[in-house]
Amino acid sequence: MDYDWIRATVDRVICTAPTWISTIIITPSSASKKADITLYDGESTSDPQILKVMGGTGENKVIRFDPPLKTKRGLYLDVGGDCQEVVIQFYWEYE
């Protein structure tokens, strides 16, 4: 399987199929801010929450999953306050 990546700055559906997440990078909007995101197993914030990631003040937060973290129904990204961008590396199941 080939990995893909996506850069996001707003809430959005990342994938509508089961997904394996390998890396997440979040960047705060400034050196004095803390960024946060929440990931959901599905296509909206109504779906089960997988995890919340919070970065330190003015620091990029890098999380690597080994083995990759698997979702069952897709992947939805909720970009929290003071987050400039999120990069997610993942692969998904083809139907």
PDB file of N, CA and C in Angstrom:
ATOM      1  N   MET A   1       0.834  -1.186   0.000  1.00  0.00           N
ATOM      2  CA  MET A   1       0.000   0.000   0.000  1.00  0.00           C
ATOM      3  C   MET A   1       0.875   1.244   0.000  1.00  0.00           C
ATOM      4  N   ASP A   2       0.436   2.229  -0.731  1.00  0.00           N
ATOM      5  CA  ASP A   2       1.154   3.492  -0.776  1.00  0.00           C
ATOM      6  C   ASP A   2       0.523   4.479   0.198  1.00  0.00           C
ATOM      7  N   TYR A   3       1.376   5.196   0.873  1.00  0.00           N
ATOM      8  CA  TYR A   3       0.897   6.249   1.762  1.00  0.00           C
ATOM      9  C   TYR A   3       0.534   7.480   0.947  1.00  0.00           C
ATOM     10  N   ASP A   4      -0.432   8.208   1.445  1.00  0.00           N
ATOM     11  CA  ASP A   4      -0.816   9.490   0.887  1.00  0.00           C
ATOM     12  C   ASP A   4      -0.724  10.496   2.031  1.00  0.00           C
ATOM     13  N   TRP A   5      -0.783  11.761   1.729  1.00  0.00           N
ATOM     14  CA  TRP A   5      -0.785  12.770   2.784  1.00  0.00           C
ATOM     15  C   TRP A   5      -1.741  13.875   2.377  1.00  0.00           C
ATOM     16  N   ILE A   6      -2.186  14.609   3.394  1.00  0.00           N
ATOM     17  CA  ILE A   6      -3.073  15.721   3.144  1.00  0.00           C
ATOM     18  C   ILE A   6      -2.713  16.846   4.104  1.00  0.00           C
ATOM     19  N   ARG A   7      -2.784  18.073   3.610  1.00  0.00           N
ATOM     20  CA  ARG A   7      -2.574  19.267   4.432  1.00  0.00           C
ATOM     21  C   ARG A   7      -3.928  19.936   4.576  1.00  0.00           C
ATOM     22  N   ALA A   8      -4.296  20.253   5.813  1.00  0.00           N
ATOM     23  CA  ALA A   8      -5.599  20.860   6.068  1.00  0.00           C
ATOM     24  C   ALA A   8      -5.454  22.058   6.995  1.00  0.00           C
ATOM     25  N   THR A   9      -6.331  23.033   6.787  1.00  0.00           N
ATOM     26  CA  THR A   9      -6.351  24.216   7.649  1.00  0.00           C
ATOM     27  C   THR A   9      -7.742  24.434   8.269  1.00  0.00           C
ATOM     28  N   VAL A  10      -8.707  23.610   7.866  1.00  0.00           N
ATOM     29  CA  VAL A  10     -10.081  23.709   8.382  1.00  0.00           C
ATOM     30  C   VAL A  10     -10.622  22.306   8.643  1.00  0.00           C
ATOM     31  N   ASP A  11     -11.741  22.228   9.358  1.00  0.00           N
ATOM     32  CA  ASP A  11     -12.401  20.943   9.600  1.00  0.00           C
ATOM     33  C   ASP A  11     -12.764  20.302   8.271  1.00  0.00           C
ATOM     34  N   ARG A  12     -12.566  18.968   8.180  1.00  0.00           N
ATOM     35  CA  ARG A  12     -12.899  18.295   6.915  1.00  0.00           C
ATOM     36  C   ARG A  12     -12.843  16.789   7.033  1.00  0.00           C
ATOM     37  N   VAL A  13     -13.518  16.133   6.088  1.00  0.00           N
ATOM     38  CA  VAL A  13     -13.415  14.687   5.942  1.00  0.00           C
ATOM     39  C   VAL A  13     -12.081  14.406   5.258  1.00  0.00           C
ATOM     40  N   ILE A  14     -11.282  13.539   5.862  1.00  0.00           N
ATOM     41  CA  ILE A  14     -10.003  13.149   5.262  1.00  0.00           C
ATOM     42  C   ILE A  14     -10.200  11.942   4.357  1.00  0.00           C
ATOM     43  N   CYS A  15     -11.008  10.974   4.814  1.00  0.00           N
ATOM     44  CA  CYS A  15     -11.245   9.757   4.036  1.00  0.00           C
ATOM     45  C   CYS A  15     -12.580   9.152   4.463  1.00  0.00           C
ATOM     46  N   THR A  16     -13.300   8.529   3.515  1.00  0.00           N
ATOM     47  CA  THR A  16     -14.592   7.921   3.819  1.00  0.00           C
ATOM     48  C   THR A  16     -14.515   6.401   3.939  1.00  0.00           C
ATOM     49  N   ALA A  17     -13.323   5.837   3.864  1.00  0.00           N
ATOM     50  CA  ALA A  17     -13.113   4.393   3.980  1.00  0.00           C
ATOM     51  C   ALA A  17     -12.215   4.111   5.183  1.00  0.00           C
ATOM     52  N   PRO A  18     -12.159   2.858   5.646  1.00  0.00           N
ATOM     53  CA  PRO A  18     -11.216   2.530   6.716  1.00  0.00           C
ATOM     54  C   PRO A  18      -9.810   3.028   6.365  1.00  0.00           C
ATOM     55  N   THR A  19      -9.148   3.614   7.359  1.00  0.00           N
ATOM     56  CA  THR A  19      -7.904   4.347   7.132  1.00  0.00           C
ATOM     57  C   THR A  19      -6.859   3.966   8.158  1.00  0.00           C
ATOM     58  N   TRP A  20      -5.602   3.936   7.745  1.00  0.00           N
ATOM     59  CA  TRP A  20      -4.481   3.745   8.660  1.00  0.00           C
ATOM     60  C   TRP A  20      -3.702   5.058   8.719  1.00  0.00           C
ATOM     61  N   ILE A  21      -3.569   5.610   9.923  1.00  0.00           N
ATOM     62  CA  ILE A  21      -2.861   6.872  10.124  1.00  0.00           C
ATOM     63  C   ILE A  21      -1.450   6.553  10.593  1.00  0.00           C
ATOM     64  N   SER A  22      -0.453   7.102   9.909  1.00  0.00           N
ATOM     65  CA  SER A  22       0.925   6.834  10.319  1.00  0.00           C
ATOM     66  C   SER A  22       1.585   8.030  10.996  1.00  0.00           C
ATOM     67  N   THR A  23       1.261   9.249  10.549  1.00  0.00           N
ATOM     68  CA  THR A  23       1.907  10.439  11.113  1.00  0.00           C
ATOM     69  C   THR A  23       0.937  11.607  11.121  1.00  0.00           C
ATOM     70  N   ILE A  24       1.004  12.411  12.189  1.00  0.00           N
ATOM     71  CA  ILE A  24       0.243  13.649  12.295  1.00  0.00           C
ATOM     72  C   ILE A  24       1.220  14.748  12.695  1.00  0.00           C
ATOM     73  N   ILE A  25       1.152  15.884  12.006  1.00  0.00           N
ATOM     74  CA  ILE A  25       1.953  17.057  12.370  1.00  0.00           C
ATOM     75  C   ILE A  25       0.997  18.232  12.505  1.00  0.00           C
ATOM     76  N   ILE A  26       1.019  18.898  13.661  1.00  0.00           N
ATOM     77  CA  ILE A  26       0.194  20.096  13.815  1.00  0.00           C
ATOM     78  C   ILE A  26       1.103  21.292  14.093  1.00  0.00           C
ATOM     79  N   THR A  27       0.717  22.430  13.519  1.00  0.00           N
ATOM     80  CA  THR A  27       1.493  23.663  13.643  1.00  0.00           C
ATOM     81  C   THR A  27       0.607  24.762  14.217  1.00  0.00           C
ATOM     82  N   PRO A  28       1.036  25.409  15.298  1.00  0.00           N
ATOM     83  CA  PRO A  28       0.244  26.493  15.874  1.00  0.00           C
ATOM     84  C   PRO A  28       0.287  27.741  14.997  1.00  0.00           C
ATOM     85  N   SER A  29      -0.664  28.638  15.214  1.00  0.00           N
ATOM     86  CA  SER A  29      -0.769  29.842  14.396  1.00  0.00           C
ATOM     87  C   SER A  29       0.298  30.882  14.712  1.00  0.00           C
ATOM     88  N   SER A  30       0.929  30.796  15.880  1.00  0.00           N
ATOM     89  CA  SER A  30       2.010  31.722  16.214  1.00  0.00           C
ATOM     90  C   SER A  30       2.868  31.117  17.330  1.00  0.00           C
ATOM     91  N   ALA A  31       3.979  31.785  17.613  1.00  0.00           N
ATOM     92  CA  ALA A  31       4.912  31.287  18.626  1.00  0.00           C
ATOM     93  C   ALA A  31       4.336  31.328  20.038  1.00  0.00           C
ATOM     94  N   SER A  32       3.264  32.071  20.241  1.00  0.00           N
ATOM     95  CA  SER A  32       2.683  32.184  21.578  1.00  0.00           C
ATOM     96  C   SER A  32       1.399  31.372  21.738  1.00  0.00           C
ATOM     97  N   LYS A  33       1.057  30.559  20.739  1.00  0.00           N
ATOM     98  CA  LYS A  33      -0.202  29.809  20.759  1.00  0.00           C
ATOM     99  C   LYS A  33       0.038  28.303  20.870  1.00  0.00           C
ATOM    100  N   LYS A  34      -0.986  27.587  21.345  1.00  0.00           N
ATOM    101  CA  LYS A  34      -1.001  26.127  21.394  1.00  0.00           C
ATOM    102  C   LYS A  34      -2.055  25.632  20.404  1.00  0.00           C
ATOM    103  N   ALA A  35      -1.677  24.704  19.537  1.00  0.00           N
ATOM    104  CA  ALA A  35      -2.612  24.165  18.554  1.00  0.00           C
ATOM    105  C   ALA A  35      -3.222  22.870  19.079  1.00  0.00           C
ATOM    106  N   ASP A  36      -4.448  22.582  18.640  1.00  0.00           N
ATOM    107  CA  ASP A  36      -5.061  21.300  18.970  1.00  0.00           C
ATOM    108  C   ASP A  36      -5.960  20.847  17.829  1.00  0.00           C
ATOM    109  N   ILE A  37      -6.076  19.519  17.698  1.00  0.00           N
ATOM    110  CA  ILE A  37      -6.974  18.905  16.724  1.00  0.00           C
ATOM    111  C   ILE A  37      -7.661  17.723  17.401  1.00  0.00           C
ATOM    112  N   THR A  38      -8.781  17.309  16.814  1.00  0.00           N
ATOM    113  CA  THR A  38      -9.460  16.099  17.263  1.00  0.00           C
ATOM    114  C   THR A  38      -9.769  15.267  16.028  1.00  0.00           C
ATOM    115  N   LEU A  39      -9.521  13.959  16.119  1.00  0.00           N
ATOM    116  CA  LEU A  39      -9.799  13.027  15.026  1.00  0.00           C
ATOM    117  C   LEU A  39     -10.979  12.143  15.399  1.00  0.00           C
ATOM    118  N   TYR A  40     -11.839  11.883  14.408  1.00  0.00           N
ATOM    119  CA  TYR A  40     -13.027  11.064  14.609  1.00  0.00           C
ATOM    120  C   TYR A  40     -13.039   9.911  13.620  1.00  0.00           C
ATOM    121  N   ASP A  41     -13.586   8.765  14.061  1.00  0.00           N
ATOM    122  CA  ASP A  41     -13.698   7.569  13.224  1.00  0.00           C
ATOM    123  C   ASP A  41     -15.001   7.655  12.440  1.00  0.00           C
ATOM    124  N   GLY A  42     -14.975   8.360  11.313  1.00  0.00           N
ATOM    125  CA  GLY A  42     -16.167   8.541  10.497  1.00  0.00           C
ATOM    126  C   GLY A  42     -16.066   9.800   9.666  1.00  0.00           C
ATOM    127  N   GLU A  43     -17.207  10.464   9.481  1.00  0.00           N
ATOM    128  CA  GLU A  43     -17.261  11.608   8.575  1.00  0.00           C
ATOM    129  C   GLU A  43     -17.747  12.897   9.230  1.00  0.00           C
ATOM    130  N   SER A  44     -17.846  12.915  10.577  1.00  0.00           N
ATOM    131  CA  SER A  44     -18.280  14.127  11.267  1.00  0.00           C
ATOM    132  C   SER A  44     -17.924  14.040  12.747  1.00  0.00           C
ATOM    133  N   THR A  45     -18.173  15.125  13.463  1.00  0.00           N
ATOM    134  CA  THR A  45     -17.925  15.144  14.905  1.00  0.00           C
ATOM    135  C   THR A  45     -18.966  14.331  15.676  1.00  0.00           C
ATOM    136  N   SER A  46     -19.997  13.838  14.997  1.00  0.00           N
ATOM    137  CA  SER A  46     -20.995  12.961  15.628  1.00  0.00           C
ATOM    138  C   SER A  46     -20.493  11.526  15.741  1.00  0.00           C
ATOM    139  N   ASP A  47     -19.434  11.198  15.009  1.00  0.00           N
ATOM    140  CA  ASP A  47     -18.870   9.854  15.035  1.00  0.00           C
ATOM    141  C   ASP A  47     -17.947   9.687  16.247  1.00  0.00           C
ATOM    142  N   PRO A  48     -17.544   8.450  16.563  1.00  0.00           N
ATOM    143  CA  PRO A  48     -16.701   8.223  17.739  1.00  0.00           C
ATOM    144  C   PRO A  48     -15.365   8.975  17.653  1.00  0.00           C
ATOM    145  N   GLN A  49     -15.018   9.620  18.751  1.00  0.00           N
ATOM    146  CA  GLN A  49     -13.728  10.318  18.816  1.00  0.00           C
ATOM    147  C   GLN A  49     -12.609   9.300  18.953  1.00  0.00           C
ATOM    148  N   ILE A  50     -11.539   9.495  18.161  1.00  0.00           N
ATOM    149  CA  ILE A  50     -10.359   8.635  18.248  1.00  0.00           C
ATOM    150  C   ILE A  50      -9.380   9.212  19.254  1.00  0.00           C
ATOM    151  N   LEU A  51      -8.989  10.458  19.030  1.00  0.00           N
ATOM    152  CA  LEU A  51      -8.051  11.096  19.940  1.00  0.00           C
ATOM    153  C   LEU A  51      -8.015  12.595  19.727  1.00  0.00           C
ATOM    154  N   LYS A  52      -7.523  13.277  20.744  1.00  0.00           N
ATOM    155  CA  LYS A  52      -7.292  14.716  20.674  1.00  0.00           C
ATOM    156  C   LYS A  52      -5.791  14.916  20.792  1.00  0.00           C
ATOM    157  N   VAL A  53      -5.225  15.757  19.929  1.00  0.00           N
ATOM    158  CA  VAL A  53      -3.790  16.045  19.933  1.00  0.00           C
ATOM    159  C   VAL A  53      -3.605  17.511  20.289  1.00  0.00           C
ATOM    160  N   MET A  54      -2.763  17.768  21.272  1.00  0.00           N
ATOM    161  CA  MET A  54      -2.490  19.142  21.694  1.00  0.00           C
ATOM    162  C   MET A  54      -0.992  19.387  21.641  1.00  0.00           C
ATOM    163  N   GLY A  55      -0.611  20.478  21.009  1.00  0.00           N
ATOM    164  CA  GLY A  55       0.798  20.841  20.909  1.00  0.00           C
ATOM    165  C   GLY A  55       1.184  21.829  21.996  1.00  0.00           C
ATOM    166  N   GLY A  56       2.486  21.979  22.211  1.00  0.00           N
ATOM    167  CA  GLY A  56       2.992  22.956  23.164  1.00  0.00           C
ATOM    168  C   GLY A  56       2.991  24.356  22.577  1.00  0.00           C
ATOM    169  N   THR A  57       3.189  25.339  23.410  1.00  0.00           N
ATOM    170  CA  THR A  57       3.194  26.731  22.970  1.00  0.00           C
ATOM    171  C   THR A  57       4.271  26.961  21.918  1.00  0.00           C
ATOM    172  N   GLY A  58       3.846  27.384  20.728  1.00  0.00           N
ATOM    173  CA  GLY A  58       4.766  27.719  19.653  1.00  0.00           C
ATOM    174  C   GLY A  58       5.544  26.557  19.073  1.00  0.00           C
ATOM    175  N   GLU A  59       5.134  25.323  19.345  1.00  0.00           N
ATOM    176  CA  GLU A  59       5.879  24.149  18.875  1.00  0.00           C
ATOM    177  C   GLU A  59       5.044  23.307  17.926  1.00  0.00           C
ATOM    178  N   ASN A  60       5.692  22.801  16.878  1.00  0.00           N
ATOM    179  CA  ASN A  60       5.036  21.787  16.057  1.00  0.00           C
ATOM    180  C   ASN A  60       4.946  20.514  16.876  1.00  0.00           C
ATOM    181  N   LYS A  61       3.846  19.813  16.733  1.00  0.00           N
ATOM    182  CA  LYS A  61       3.660  18.530  17.412  1.00  0.00           C
ATOM    183  C   LYS A  61       3.655  17.448  16.354  1.00  0.00           C
ATOM    184  N   VAL A  62       4.566  16.474  16.488  1.00  0.00           N
ATOM    185  CA  VAL A  62       4.669  15.364  15.543  1.00  0.00           C
ATOM    186  C   VAL A  62       4.349  14.076  16.290  1.00  0.00           C
ATOM    187  N   ILE A  63       3.399  13.321  15.759  1.00  0.00           N
ATOM    188  CA  ILE A  63       3.045  12.028  16.344  1.00  0.00           C
ATOM    189  C   ILE A  63       3.180  10.976  15.257  1.00  0.00           C
ATOM    190  N   ARG A  64       3.916   9.920  15.566  1.00  0.00           N
ATOM    191  CA  ARG A  64       4.080   8.792  14.640  1.00  0.00           C
ATOM    192  C   ARG A  64       3.477   7.550  15.282  1.00  0.00           C
ATOM    193  N   PHE A  65       2.678   6.836  14.523  1.00  0.00           N
ATOM    194  CA  PHE A  65       2.069   5.597  15.002  1.00  0.00           C
ATOM    195  C   PHE A  65       2.770   4.414  14.351  1.00  0.00           C
ATOM    196  N   ASP A  66       3.302   3.529  15.164  1.00  0.00           N
ATOM    197  CA  ASP A  66       3.969   2.324  14.665  1.00  0.00           C
ATOM    198  C   ASP A  66       3.594   1.160  15.564  1.00  0.00           C
ATOM    199  N   PRO A  67       2.639   0.354  15.146  1.00  0.00           N
ATOM    200  CA  PRO A  67       2.004   0.296  13.830  1.00  0.00           C
ATOM    201  C   PRO A  67       1.000   1.440  13.645  1.00  0.00           C
ATOM    202  N   PRO A  68       0.597   1.674  12.389  1.00  0.00           N
ATOM    203  CA  PRO A  68      -0.364   2.741  12.120  1.00  0.00           C
ATOM    204  C   PRO A  68      -1.672   2.535  12.892  1.00  0.00           C
ATOM    205  N   LEU A  69      -2.329   3.638  13.206  1.00  0.00           N
ATOM    206  CA  LEU A  69      -3.604   3.642  13.914  1.00  0.00           C
ATOM    207  C   LEU A  69      -4.724   3.454  12.889  1.00  0.00           C
ATOM    208  N   LYS A  70      -5.581   2.442  13.093  1.00  0.00           N
ATOM    209  CA  LYS A  70      -6.620   2.127  12.109  1.00  0.00           C
ATOM    210  C   LYS A  70      -7.981   2.665  12.532  1.00  0.00           C
ATOM    211  N   THR A  71      -8.674   3.281  11.573  1.00  0.00           N
ATOM    212  CA  THR A  71     -10.073   3.654  11.779  1.00  0.00           C
ATOM    213  C   THR A  71     -10.943   2.602  11.101  1.00  0.00           C
ATOM    214  N   LYS A  72     -12.207   2.553  11.482  1.00  0.00           N
ATOM    215  CA  LYS A  72     -13.120   1.562  10.912  1.00  0.00           C
ATOM    216  C   LYS A  72     -14.034   2.138   9.843  1.00  0.00           C
ATOM    217  N   ARG A  73     -14.344   3.466   9.960  1.00  0.00           N
ATOM    218  CA  ARG A  73     -15.381   4.035   9.097  1.00  0.00           C
ATOM    219  C   ARG A  73     -14.947   5.269   8.342  1.00  0.00           C
ATOM    220  N   GLY A  74     -13.687   5.616   8.371  1.00  0.00           N
ATOM    221  CA  GLY A  74     -13.230   6.834   7.719  1.00  0.00           C
ATOM    222  C   GLY A  74     -12.470   7.699   8.711  1.00  0.00           C
ATOM    223  N   LEU A  75     -12.191   8.935   8.319  1.00  0.00           N
ATOM    224  CA  LEU A  75     -11.437   9.829   9.188  1.00  0.00           C
ATOM    225  C   LEU A  75     -11.917  11.264   8.991  1.00  0.00           C
ATOM    226  N   TYR A  76     -12.330  11.880  10.109  1.00  0.00           N
ATOM    227  CA  TYR A  76     -12.751  13.276  10.102  1.00  0.00           C
ATOM    228  C   TYR A  76     -11.809  14.069  10.989  1.00  0.00           C
ATOM    229  N   LEU A  77     -11.386  15.231  10.516  1.00  0.00           N
ATOM    230  CA  LEU A  77     -10.474  16.110  11.232  1.00  0.00           C
ATOM    231  C   LEU A  77     -11.214  17.353  11.706  1.00  0.00           C
ATOM    232  N   ASP A  78     -11.149  17.618  13.010  1.00  0.00           N
ATOM    233  CA  ASP A  78     -11.686  18.846  13.594  1.00  0.00           C
ATOM    234  C   ASP A  78     -10.490  19.689  14.026  1.00  0.00           C
ATOM    235  N   VAL A  79     -10.253  20.793  13.325  1.00  0.00           N
ATOM    236  CA  VAL A  79      -9.123  21.678  13.616  1.00  0.00           C
ATOM    237  C   VAL A  79      -9.543  22.626  14.735  1.00  0.00           C
ATOM    238  N   GLY A  80      -8.833  22.561  15.849  1.00  0.00           N
ATOM    239  CA  GLY A  80      -9.172  23.381  17.008  1.00  0.00           C
ATOM    240  C   GLY A  80      -8.601  24.786  16.909  1.00  0.00           C
ATOM    241  N   GLY A  81      -8.645  25.461  18.030  1.00  0.00           N
ATOM    242  CA  GLY A  81      -8.180  26.837  18.077  1.00  0.00           C
ATOM    243  C   GLY A  81      -6.687  26.979  17.878  1.00  0.00           C
ATOM    244  N   ASP A  82      -6.317  28.075  17.264  1.00  0.00           N
ATOM    245  CA  ASP A  82      -4.917  28.472  17.095  1.00  0.00           C
ATOM    246  C   ASP A  82      -4.069  27.472  16.318  1.00  0.00           C
ATOM    247  N   CYS A  83      -4.692  26.715  15.437  1.00  0.00           N
ATOM    248  CA  CYS A  83      -3.964  25.756  14.605  1.00  0.00           C
ATOM    249  C   CYS A  83      -3.822  26.337  13.198  1.00  0.00           C
ATOM    250  N   GLN A  84      -2.605  26.502  12.746  1.00  0.00           N
ATOM    251  CA  GLN A  84      -2.366  27.042  11.404  1.00  0.00           C
ATOM    252  C   GLN A  84      -2.559  25.978  10.340  1.00  0.00           C
ATOM    253  N   GLU A  85      -2.010  24.767  10.599  1.00  0.00           N
ATOM    254  CA  GLU A  85      -2.157  23.692   9.618  1.00  0.00           C
ATOM    255  C   GLU A  85      -1.925  22.346  10.264  1.00  0.00           C
ATOM    256  N   VAL A  86      -2.448  21.317   9.584  1.00  0.00           N
ATOM    257  CA  VAL A  86      -2.288  19.926  10.003  1.00  0.00           C
ATOM    258  C   VAL A  86      -1.844  19.137   8.781  1.00  0.00           C
ATOM    259  N   VAL A  87      -0.862  18.275   8.949  1.00  0.00           N
ATOM    260  CA  VAL A  87      -0.467  17.348   7.886  1.00  0.00           C
ATOM    261  C   VAL A  87      -0.687  15.941   8.431  1.00  0.00           C
ATOM    262  N   ILE A  88      -1.412  15.122   7.667  1.00  0.00           N
ATOM    263  CA  ILE A  88      -1.682  13.746   8.065  1.00  0.00           C
ATOM    264  C   ILE A  88      -1.192  12.832   6.960  1.00  0.00           C
ATOM    265  N   GLN A  89      -0.375  11.851   7.338  1.00  0.00           N
ATOM    266  CA  GLN A  89       0.075  10.816   6.404  1.00  0.00           C
ATOM    267  C   GLN A  89      -0.746   9.565   6.703  1.00  0.00           C
ATOM    268  N   PHE A  90      -1.314   8.937   5.661  1.00  0.00           N
ATOM    269  CA  PHE A  90      -2.237   7.826   5.863  1.00  0.00           C
ATOM    270  C   PHE A  90      -2.315   6.955   4.614  1.00  0.00           C
ATOM    271  N   TYR A  91      -2.958   5.808   4.763  1.00  0.00           N
ATOM    272  CA  TYR A  91      -3.394   5.028   3.604  1.00  0.00           C
ATOM    273  C   TYR A  91      -4.750   4.434   3.944  1.00  0.00           C
ATOM    274  N   TRP A  92      -5.505   4.020   2.935  1.00  0.00           N
ATOM    275  CA  TRP A  92      -6.871   3.567   3.146  1.00  0.00           C
ATOM    276  C   TRP A  92      -7.124   2.296   2.372  1.00  0.00           C
ATOM    277  N   GLU A  93      -8.229   1.624   2.738  1.00  0.00           N
ATOM    278  CA  GLU A  93      -8.666   0.404   2.064  1.00  0.00           C
ATOM    279  C   GLU A  93      -9.410   0.766   0.797  1.00  0.00           C
ATOM    280  N   TYR A  94      -9.010   0.145  -0.295  1.00  0.00           N
ATOM    281  CA  TYR A  94      -9.735   0.347  -1.551  1.00  0.00           C
ATOM    282  C   TYR A  94     -10.921  -0.589  -1.557  1.00  0.00           C
ATOM    283  N   GLU A  95     -12.026  -0.127  -2.111  1.00  0.00           N
ATOM    284  CA  GLU A  95     -13.208  -0.973  -2.199  1.00  0.00           C
ATOM    285  C   GLU A  95     -13.236  -1.733  -3.488  1.00  0.00           C
TER     286      GLU A  95
END
